[in-house]
Amino acid sequence: MRSEIMSTFKRFIDTAAEGHVEGRSAAKLPEFIRLGLTDAAILSLNANEVQLLTVDHDLHTASAKMGFDVLNVTPLLLE
């Protein structure tokens, strides 16, 4: 299952548009202290424009509270 998910993810990456979040902007979020720079950068994106897939419970919880369309894929990887 993991190989299938990662293959699909790779195809998505090959076609997806990428953006940039400045570290100083992400570090301004209150979640930065608890979650770190990468997760804070993700949370600084527009929740209405992003669908988030994660295996990180803390990121899943924080992003759901902020209104992101988020799915914790950990259960799928364990099948």
PDB file of N, CA and C in Angstrom:
ATOM      1  N   MET A   1       0.827  -1.180   0.000  1.00  0.00           N
ATOM      2  CA  MET A   1       0.000   0.000   0.000  1.00  0.00           C
ATOM      3  C   MET A   1       0.882   1.259   0.000  1.00  0.00           C
ATOM      4  N   ARG A   2       1.933   1.242   0.807  1.00  0.00           N
ATOM      5  CA  ARG A   2       2.821   2.409   0.877  1.00  0.00           C
ATOM      6  C   ARG A   2       3.410   2.714  -0.489  1.00  0.00           C
ATOM      7  N   SER A   3       3.855   1.695  -1.216  1.00  0.00           N
ATOM      8  CA  SER A   3       4.443   1.911  -2.545  1.00  0.00           C
ATOM      9  C   SER A   3       3.428   2.536  -3.496  1.00  0.00           C
ATOM     10  N   GLU A   4       2.196   2.091  -3.429  1.00  0.00           N
ATOM     11  CA  GLU A   4       1.148   2.649  -4.285  1.00  0.00           C
ATOM     12  C   GLU A   4       0.894   4.122  -3.943  1.00  0.00           C
ATOM     13  N   ILE A   5       0.823   4.412  -2.657  1.00  0.00           N
ATOM     14  CA  ILE A   5       0.590   5.793  -2.229  1.00  0.00           C
ATOM     15  C   ILE A   5       1.738   6.681  -2.680  1.00  0.00           C
ATOM     16  N   MET A   6       2.965   6.235  -2.478  1.00  0.00           N
ATOM     17  CA  MET A   6       4.120   7.058  -2.835  1.00  0.00           C
ATOM     18  C   MET A   6       4.235   7.226  -4.355  1.00  0.00           C
ATOM     19  N   SER A   7       3.884   6.224  -5.119  1.00  0.00           N
ATOM     20  CA  SER A   7       3.890   6.348  -6.586  1.00  0.00           C
ATOM     21  C   SER A   7       2.867   7.383  -7.036  1.00  0.00           C
ATOM     22  N   THR A   8       1.694   7.344  -6.443  1.00  0.00           N
ATOM     23  CA  THR A   8       0.663   8.341  -6.754  1.00  0.00           C
ATOM     24  C   THR A   8       1.124   9.729  -6.339  1.00  0.00           C
ATOM     25  N   PHE A   9       1.737   9.815  -5.169  1.00  0.00           N
ATOM     26  CA  PHE A   9       2.248  11.084  -4.675  1.00  0.00           C
ATOM     27  C   PHE A   9       3.319  11.644  -5.608  1.00  0.00           C
ATOM     28  N   LYS A  10       4.197  10.794  -6.105  1.00  0.00           N
ATOM     29  CA  LYS A  10       5.240  11.234  -7.032  1.00  0.00           C
ATOM     30  C   LYS A  10       4.625  11.800  -8.308  1.00  0.00           C
ATOM     31  N   ARG A  11       3.604  11.155  -8.836  1.00  0.00           N
ATOM     32  CA  ARG A  11       2.941  11.671 -10.039  1.00  0.00           C
ATOM     33  C   ARG A  11       2.329  13.040  -9.765  1.00  0.00           C
ATOM     34  N   PHE A  12       1.758  13.198  -8.590  1.00  0.00           N
ATOM     35  CA  PHE A  12       1.195  14.496  -8.219  1.00  0.00           C
ATOM     36  C   PHE A  12       2.297  15.549  -8.148  1.00  0.00           C
ATOM     37  N   ILE A  13       3.393  15.231  -7.501  1.00  0.00           N
ATOM     38  CA  ILE A  13       4.510  16.173  -7.358  1.00  0.00           C
ATOM     39  C   ILE A  13       5.017  16.614  -8.716  1.00  0.00           C
ATOM     40  N   ASP A  14       5.082  15.683  -9.653  1.00  0.00           N
ATOM     41  CA  ASP A  14       5.580  15.997 -10.999  1.00  0.00           C
ATOM     42  C   ASP A  14       4.731  17.062 -11.705  1.00  0.00           C
ATOM     43  N   THR A  15       3.470  17.199 -11.309  1.00  0.00           N
ATOM     44  CA  THR A  15       2.577  18.130 -12.006  1.00  0.00           C
ATOM     45  C   THR A  15       2.134  19.319 -11.146  1.00  0.00           C
ATOM     46  N   ALA A  16       2.449  19.301  -9.875  1.00  0.00           N
ATOM     47  CA  ALA A  16       1.948  20.329  -8.954  1.00  0.00           C
ATOM     48  C   ALA A  16       2.743  21.627  -9.061  1.00  0.00           C
ATOM     49  N   ALA A  17       2.044  22.721  -8.842  1.00  0.00           N
ATOM     50  CA  ALA A  17       2.708  24.022  -8.737  1.00  0.00           C
ATOM     51  C   ALA A  17       3.293  24.140  -7.334  1.00  0.00           C
ATOM     52  N   GLU A  18       4.460  24.755  -7.235  1.00  0.00           N
ATOM     53  CA  GLU A  18       5.092  24.929  -5.934  1.00  0.00           C
ATOM     54  C   GLU A  18       5.163  26.398  -5.570  1.00  0.00           C
ATOM     55  N   GLY A  19       5.083  26.654  -4.294  1.00  0.00           N
ATOM     56  CA  GLY A  19       5.192  28.017  -3.796  1.00  0.00           C
ATOM     57  C   GLY A  19       6.290  28.097  -2.755  1.00  0.00           C
ATOM     58  N   HIS A  20       6.448  29.272  -2.193  1.00  0.00           N
ATOM     59  CA  HIS A  20       7.490  29.501  -1.196  1.00  0.00           C
ATOM     60  C   HIS A  20       6.899  30.271  -0.026  1.00  0.00           C
ATOM     61  N   VAL A  21       7.237  29.849   1.183  1.00  0.00           N
ATOM     62  CA  VAL A  21       6.831  30.548   2.394  1.00  0.00           C
ATOM     63  C   VAL A  21       8.104  31.008   3.092  1.00  0.00           C
ATOM     64  N   GLU A  22       8.197  32.294   3.369  1.00  0.00           N
ATOM     65  CA  GLU A  22       9.366  32.809   4.073  1.00  0.00           C
ATOM     66  C   GLU A  22       9.377  32.306   5.513  1.00  0.00           C
ATOM     67  N   GLY A  23      10.549  31.895   5.963  1.00  0.00           N
ATOM     68  CA  GLY A  23      10.685  31.399   7.326  1.00  0.00           C
ATOM     69  C   GLY A  23      10.248  32.403   8.369  1.00  0.00           C
ATOM     70  N   ARG A  24      10.587  33.674   8.169  1.00  0.00           N
ATOM     71  CA  ARG A  24      10.207  34.696   9.162  1.00  0.00           C
ATOM     72  C   ARG A  24       8.695  34.830   9.257  1.00  0.00           C
ATOM     73  N   SER A  25       8.001  34.590   8.170  1.00  0.00           N
ATOM     74  CA  SER A  25       6.535  34.651   8.183  1.00  0.00           C
ATOM     75  C   SER A  25       5.966  33.443   8.936  1.00  0.00           C
ATOM     76  N   ALA A  26       6.488  32.264   8.641  1.00  0.00           N
ATOM     77  CA  ALA A  26       6.016  31.044   9.309  1.00  0.00           C
ATOM     78  C   ALA A  26       6.315  31.081  10.806  1.00  0.00           C
ATOM     79  N   ALA A  27       7.450  31.643  11.170  1.00  0.00           N
ATOM     80  CA  ALA A  27       7.851  31.686  12.581  1.00  0.00           C
ATOM     81  C   ALA A  27       6.965  32.612  13.410  1.00  0.00           C
ATOM     82  N   LYS A  28       6.185  33.451  12.774  1.00  0.00           N
ATOM     83  CA  LYS A  28       5.269  34.341  13.496  1.00  0.00           C
ATOM     84  C   LYS A  28       4.034  33.615  14.014  1.00  0.00           C
ATOM     85  N   LEU A  29       3.736  32.459  13.444  1.00  0.00           N
ATOM     86  CA  LEU A  29       2.559  31.710  13.900  1.00  0.00           C
ATOM     87  C   LEU A  29       2.795  31.141  15.300  1.00  0.00           C
ATOM     88  N   PRO A  30       1.783  31.150  16.147  1.00  0.00           N
ATOM     89  CA  PRO A  30       1.934  30.576  17.493  1.00  0.00           C
ATOM     90  C   PRO A  30       2.327  29.092  17.452  1.00  0.00           C
ATOM     91  N   GLU A  31       1.907  28.376  16.422  1.00  0.00           N
ATOM     92  CA  GLU A  31       2.188  26.939  16.306  1.00  0.00           C
ATOM     93  C   GLU A  31       3.666  26.655  16.043  1.00  0.00           C
ATOM     94  N   PHE A  32       4.413  27.671  15.611  1.00  0.00           N
ATOM     95  CA  PHE A  32       5.837  27.490  15.307  1.00  0.00           C
ATOM     96  C   PHE A  32       6.600  26.911  16.503  1.00  0.00           C
ATOM     97  N   ILE A  33       6.344  27.429  17.687  1.00  0.00           N
ATOM     98  CA  ILE A  33       7.080  26.986  18.882  1.00  0.00           C
ATOM     99  C   ILE A  33       6.875  25.492  19.119  1.00  0.00           C
ATOM    100  N   ARG A  34       5.657  25.019  18.928  1.00  0.00           N
ATOM    101  CA  ARG A  34       5.343  23.616  19.228  1.00  0.00           C
ATOM    102  C   ARG A  34       5.637  22.683  18.053  1.00  0.00           C
ATOM    103  N   LEU A  35       5.396  23.152  16.829  1.00  0.00           N
ATOM    104  CA  LEU A  35       5.468  22.251  15.675  1.00  0.00           C
ATOM    105  C   LEU A  35       6.727  22.398  14.828  1.00  0.00           C
ATOM    106  N   GLY A  36       7.386  23.537  14.908  1.00  0.00           N
ATOM    107  CA  GLY A  36       8.593  23.739  14.111  1.00  0.00           C
ATOM    108  C   GLY A  36       8.314  24.488  12.820  1.00  0.00           C
ATOM    109  N   LEU A  37       9.396  24.765  12.096  1.00  0.00           N
ATOM    110  CA  LEU A  37       9.323  25.630  10.919  1.00  0.00           C
ATOM    111  C   LEU A  37       8.533  25.023   9.763  1.00  0.00           C
ATOM    112  N   THR A  38       8.796  23.786   9.427  1.00  0.00           N
ATOM    113  CA  THR A  38       8.114  23.194   8.271  1.00  0.00           C
ATOM    114  C   THR A  38       6.607  23.153   8.469  1.00  0.00           C
ATOM    115  N   ASP A  39       6.165  22.676   9.630  1.00  0.00           N
ATOM    116  CA  ASP A  39       4.727  22.607   9.887  1.00  0.00           C
ATOM    117  C   ASP A  39       4.114  23.998   9.960  1.00  0.00           C
ATOM    118  N   ALA A  40       4.820  24.953  10.553  1.00  0.00           N
ATOM    119  CA  ALA A  40       4.309  26.322  10.612  1.00  0.00           C
ATOM    120  C   ALA A  40       4.182  26.910   9.210  1.00  0.00           C
ATOM    121  N   ALA A  41       5.128  26.597   8.332  1.00  0.00           N
ATOM    122  CA  ALA A  41       5.044  27.067   6.944  1.00  0.00           C
ATOM    123  C   ALA A  41       3.810  26.485   6.262  1.00  0.00           C
ATOM    124  N   ILE A  42       3.544  25.231   6.493  1.00  0.00           N
ATOM    125  CA  ILE A  42       2.343  24.605   5.927  1.00  0.00           C
ATOM    126  C   ILE A  42       1.097  25.305   6.457  1.00  0.00           C
ATOM    127  N   LEU A  43       1.078  25.567   7.748  1.00  0.00           N
ATOM    128  CA  LEU A  43      -0.091  26.199   8.366  1.00  0.00           C
ATOM    129  C   LEU A  43      -0.262  27.652   7.956  1.00  0.00           C
ATOM    130  N   SER A  44       0.769  28.255   7.393  1.00  0.00           N
ATOM    131  CA  SER A  44       0.647  29.641   6.939  1.00  0.00           C
ATOM    132  C   SER A  44       0.035  29.746   5.546  1.00  0.00           C
ATOM    133  N   LEU A  45      -0.185  28.606   4.903  1.00  0.00           N
ATOM    134  CA  LEU A  45      -0.834  28.596   3.591  1.00  0.00           C
ATOM    135  C   LEU A  45      -2.324  28.888   3.745  1.00  0.00           C
ATOM    136  N   ASN A  46      -2.974  29.194   2.651  1.00  0.00           N
ATOM    137  CA  ASN A  46      -4.408  29.463   2.654  1.00  0.00           C
ATOM    138  C   ASN A  46      -5.162  28.138   2.789  1.00  0.00           C
ATOM    139  N   ALA A  47      -5.844  27.968   3.896  1.00  0.00           N
ATOM    140  CA  ALA A  47      -6.565  26.716   4.166  1.00  0.00           C
ATOM    141  C   ALA A  47      -7.622  26.411   3.116  1.00  0.00           C
ATOM    142  N   ASN A  48      -8.113  27.432   2.421  1.00  0.00           N
ATOM    143  CA  ASN A  48      -9.130  27.220   1.390  1.00  0.00           C
ATOM    144  C   ASN A  48      -8.542  26.752   0.072  1.00  0.00           C
ATOM    145  N   GLU A  49      -7.232  26.791  -0.053  1.00  0.00           N
ATOM    146  CA  GLU A  49      -6.575  26.416  -1.310  1.00  0.00           C
ATOM    147  C   GLU A  49      -5.738  25.146  -1.205  1.00  0.00           C
ATOM    148  N   VAL A  50      -5.738  24.527  -0.030  1.00  0.00           N
ATOM    149  CA  VAL A  50      -4.829  23.404   0.215  1.00  0.00           C
ATOM    150  C   VAL A  50      -5.588  22.214   0.763  1.00  0.00           C
ATOM    151  N   GLN A  51      -5.276  21.050   0.237  1.00  0.00           N
ATOM    152  CA  GLN A  51      -5.716  19.807   0.866  1.00  0.00           C
ATOM    153  C   GLN A  51      -4.460  19.157   1.416  1.00  0.00           C
ATOM    154  N   LEU A  52      -4.456  18.860   2.689  1.00  0.00           N
ATOM    155  CA  LEU A  52      -3.267  18.382   3.376  1.00  0.00           C
ATOM    156  C   LEU A  52      -3.385  16.899   3.683  1.00  0.00           C
ATOM    157  N   LEU A  53      -2.359  16.155   3.296  1.00  0.00           N
ATOM    158  CA  LEU A  53      -2.238  14.739   3.643  1.00  0.00           C
ATOM    159  C   LEU A  53      -1.020  14.621   4.543  1.00  0.00           C
ATOM    160  N   THR A  54      -1.163  13.958   5.675  1.00  0.00           N
ATOM    161  CA  THR A  54      -0.060  13.892   6.624  1.00  0.00           C
ATOM    162  C   THR A  54      -0.091  12.585   7.411  1.00  0.00           C
ATOM    163  N   VAL A  55       1.054  12.243   7.972  1.00  0.00           N
ATOM    164  CA  VAL A  55       1.144  11.146   8.939  1.00  0.00           C
ATOM    165  C   VAL A  55       1.449  11.711  10.322  1.00  0.00           C
ATOM    166  N   ASP A  56       1.530  13.023  10.415  1.00  0.00           N
ATOM    167  CA  ASP A  56       1.904  13.717  11.644  1.00  0.00           C
ATOM    168  C   ASP A  56       0.649  14.090  12.429  1.00  0.00           C
ATOM    169  N   HIS A  57       0.462  13.451  13.572  1.00  0.00           N
ATOM    170  CA  HIS A  57      -0.744  13.676  14.377  1.00  0.00           C
ATOM    171  C   HIS A  57      -0.867  15.136  14.818  1.00  0.00           C
ATOM    172  N   ASP A  58       0.224  15.733  15.282  1.00  0.00           N
ATOM    173  CA  ASP A  58       0.169  17.108  15.765  1.00  0.00           C
ATOM    174  C   ASP A  58      -0.170  18.079  14.637  1.00  0.00           C
ATOM    175  N   LEU A  59       0.423  17.870  13.462  1.00  0.00           N
ATOM    176  CA  LEU A  59       0.099  18.712  12.309  1.00  0.00           C
ATOM    177  C   LEU A  59      -1.355  18.509  11.901  1.00  0.00           C
ATOM    178  N   HIS A  60      -1.809  17.277  11.915  1.00  0.00           N
ATOM    179  CA  HIS A  60      -3.199  16.973  11.574  1.00  0.00           C
ATOM    180  C   HIS A  60      -4.149  17.730  12.498  1.00  0.00           C
ATOM    181  N   THR A  61      -3.900  17.656  13.784  1.00  0.00           N
ATOM    182  CA  THR A  61      -4.765  18.312  14.759  1.00  0.00           C
ATOM    183  C   THR A  61      -4.759  19.832  14.585  1.00  0.00           C
ATOM    184  N   ALA A  62      -3.564  20.417  14.463  1.00  0.00           N
ATOM    185  CA  ALA A  62      -3.460  21.879  14.321  1.00  0.00           C
ATOM    186  C   ALA A  62      -4.112  22.363  13.034  1.00  0.00           C
ATOM    187  N   SER A  63      -3.878  21.649  11.936  1.00  0.00           N
ATOM    188  CA  SER A  63      -4.436  22.089  10.660  1.00  0.00           C
ATOM    189  C   SER A  63      -5.956  21.932  10.626  1.00  0.00           C
ATOM    190  N   ALA A  64      -6.479  20.896  11.236  1.00  0.00           N
ATOM    191  CA  ALA A  64      -7.934  20.721  11.301  1.00  0.00           C
ATOM    192  C   ALA A  64      -8.563  21.869  12.092  1.00  0.00           C
ATOM    193  N   LYS A  65      -7.918  22.276  13.190  1.00  0.00           N
ATOM    194  CA  LYS A  65      -8.432  23.397  13.988  1.00  0.00           C
ATOM    195  C   LYS A  65      -8.426  24.697  13.199  1.00  0.00           C
ATOM    196  N   MET A  66      -7.500  24.807  12.242  1.00  0.00           N
ATOM    197  CA  MET A  66      -7.385  26.033  11.452  1.00  0.00           C
ATOM    198  C   MET A  66      -8.243  25.996  10.187  1.00  0.00           C
ATOM    199  N   GLY A  67      -9.009  24.919  10.006  1.00  0.00           N
ATOM    200  CA  GLY A  67      -9.943  24.851   8.894  1.00  0.00           C
ATOM    201  C   GLY A  67      -9.420  24.211   7.625  1.00  0.00           C
ATOM    202  N   PHE A  68      -8.266  23.556   7.690  1.00  0.00           N
ATOM    203  CA  PHE A  68      -7.739  22.867   6.514  1.00  0.00           C
ATOM    204  C   PHE A  68      -8.548  21.606   6.219  1.00  0.00           C
ATOM    205  N   ASP A  69      -8.619  21.254   4.953  1.00  0.00           N
ATOM    206  CA  ASP A  69      -9.123  19.954   4.534  1.00  0.00           C
ATOM    207  C   ASP A  69      -7.940  19.013   4.707  1.00  0.00           C
ATOM    208  N   VAL A  70      -7.948  18.217   5.769  1.00  0.00           N
ATOM    209  CA  VAL A  70      -6.770  17.421   6.129  1.00  0.00           C
ATOM    210  C   VAL A  70      -7.145  15.962   6.345  1.00  0.00           C
ATOM    211  N   LEU A  71      -6.243  15.075   5.934  1.00  0.00           N
ATOM    212  CA  LEU A  71      -6.428  13.645   6.121  1.00  0.00           C
ATOM    213  C   LEU A  71      -5.151  13.063   6.700  1.00  0.00           C
ATOM    214  N   ASN A  72      -5.280  12.373   7.829  1.00  0.00           N
ATOM    215  CA  ASN A  72      -4.157  11.644   8.385  1.00  0.00           C
ATOM    216  C   ASN A  72      -4.112  10.284   7.685  1.00  0.00           C
ATOM    217  N   VAL A  73      -3.067  10.058   6.900  1.00  0.00           N
ATOM    218  CA  VAL A  73      -2.990   8.839   6.096  1.00  0.00           C
ATOM    219  C   VAL A  73      -2.322   7.678   6.822  1.00  0.00           C
ATOM    220  N   THR A  74      -1.967   7.855   8.080  1.00  0.00           N
ATOM    221  CA  THR A  74      -1.318   6.779   8.831  1.00  0.00           C
ATOM    222  C   THR A  74      -2.115   5.475   8.775  1.00  0.00           C
ATOM    223  N   PRO A  75      -3.434   5.496   9.006  1.00  0.00           N
ATOM    224  CA  PRO A  75      -4.176   4.237   8.929  1.00  0.00           C
ATOM    225  C   PRO A  75      -4.057   3.545   7.566  1.00  0.00           C
ATOM    226  N   LEU A  76      -3.957   4.310   6.491  1.00  0.00           N
ATOM    227  CA  LEU A  76      -3.819   3.722   5.166  1.00  0.00           C
ATOM    228  C   LEU A  76      -2.477   3.022   4.999  1.00  0.00           C
ATOM    229  N   LEU A  77      -1.447   3.557   5.629  1.00  0.00           N
ATOM    230  CA  LEU A  77      -0.112   2.967   5.529  1.00  0.00           C
ATOM    231  C   LEU A  77       0.026   1.698   6.342  1.00  0.00           C
ATOM    232  N   LEU A  78      -0.865   1.520   7.315  1.00  0.00           N
ATOM    233  CA  LEU A  78      -0.790   0.362   8.184  1.00  0.00           C
ATOM    234  C   LEU A  78      -1.567  -0.836   7.648  1.00  0.00           C
ATOM    235  N   GLU A  79      -2.301  -0.620   6.559  1.00  0.00           N
ATOM    236  CA  GLU A  79      -3.095  -1.714   5.988  1.00  0.00           C
ATOM    237  C   GLU A  79      -2.207  -2.713   5.292  1.00  0.00           C
TER     238      GLU A  79
END
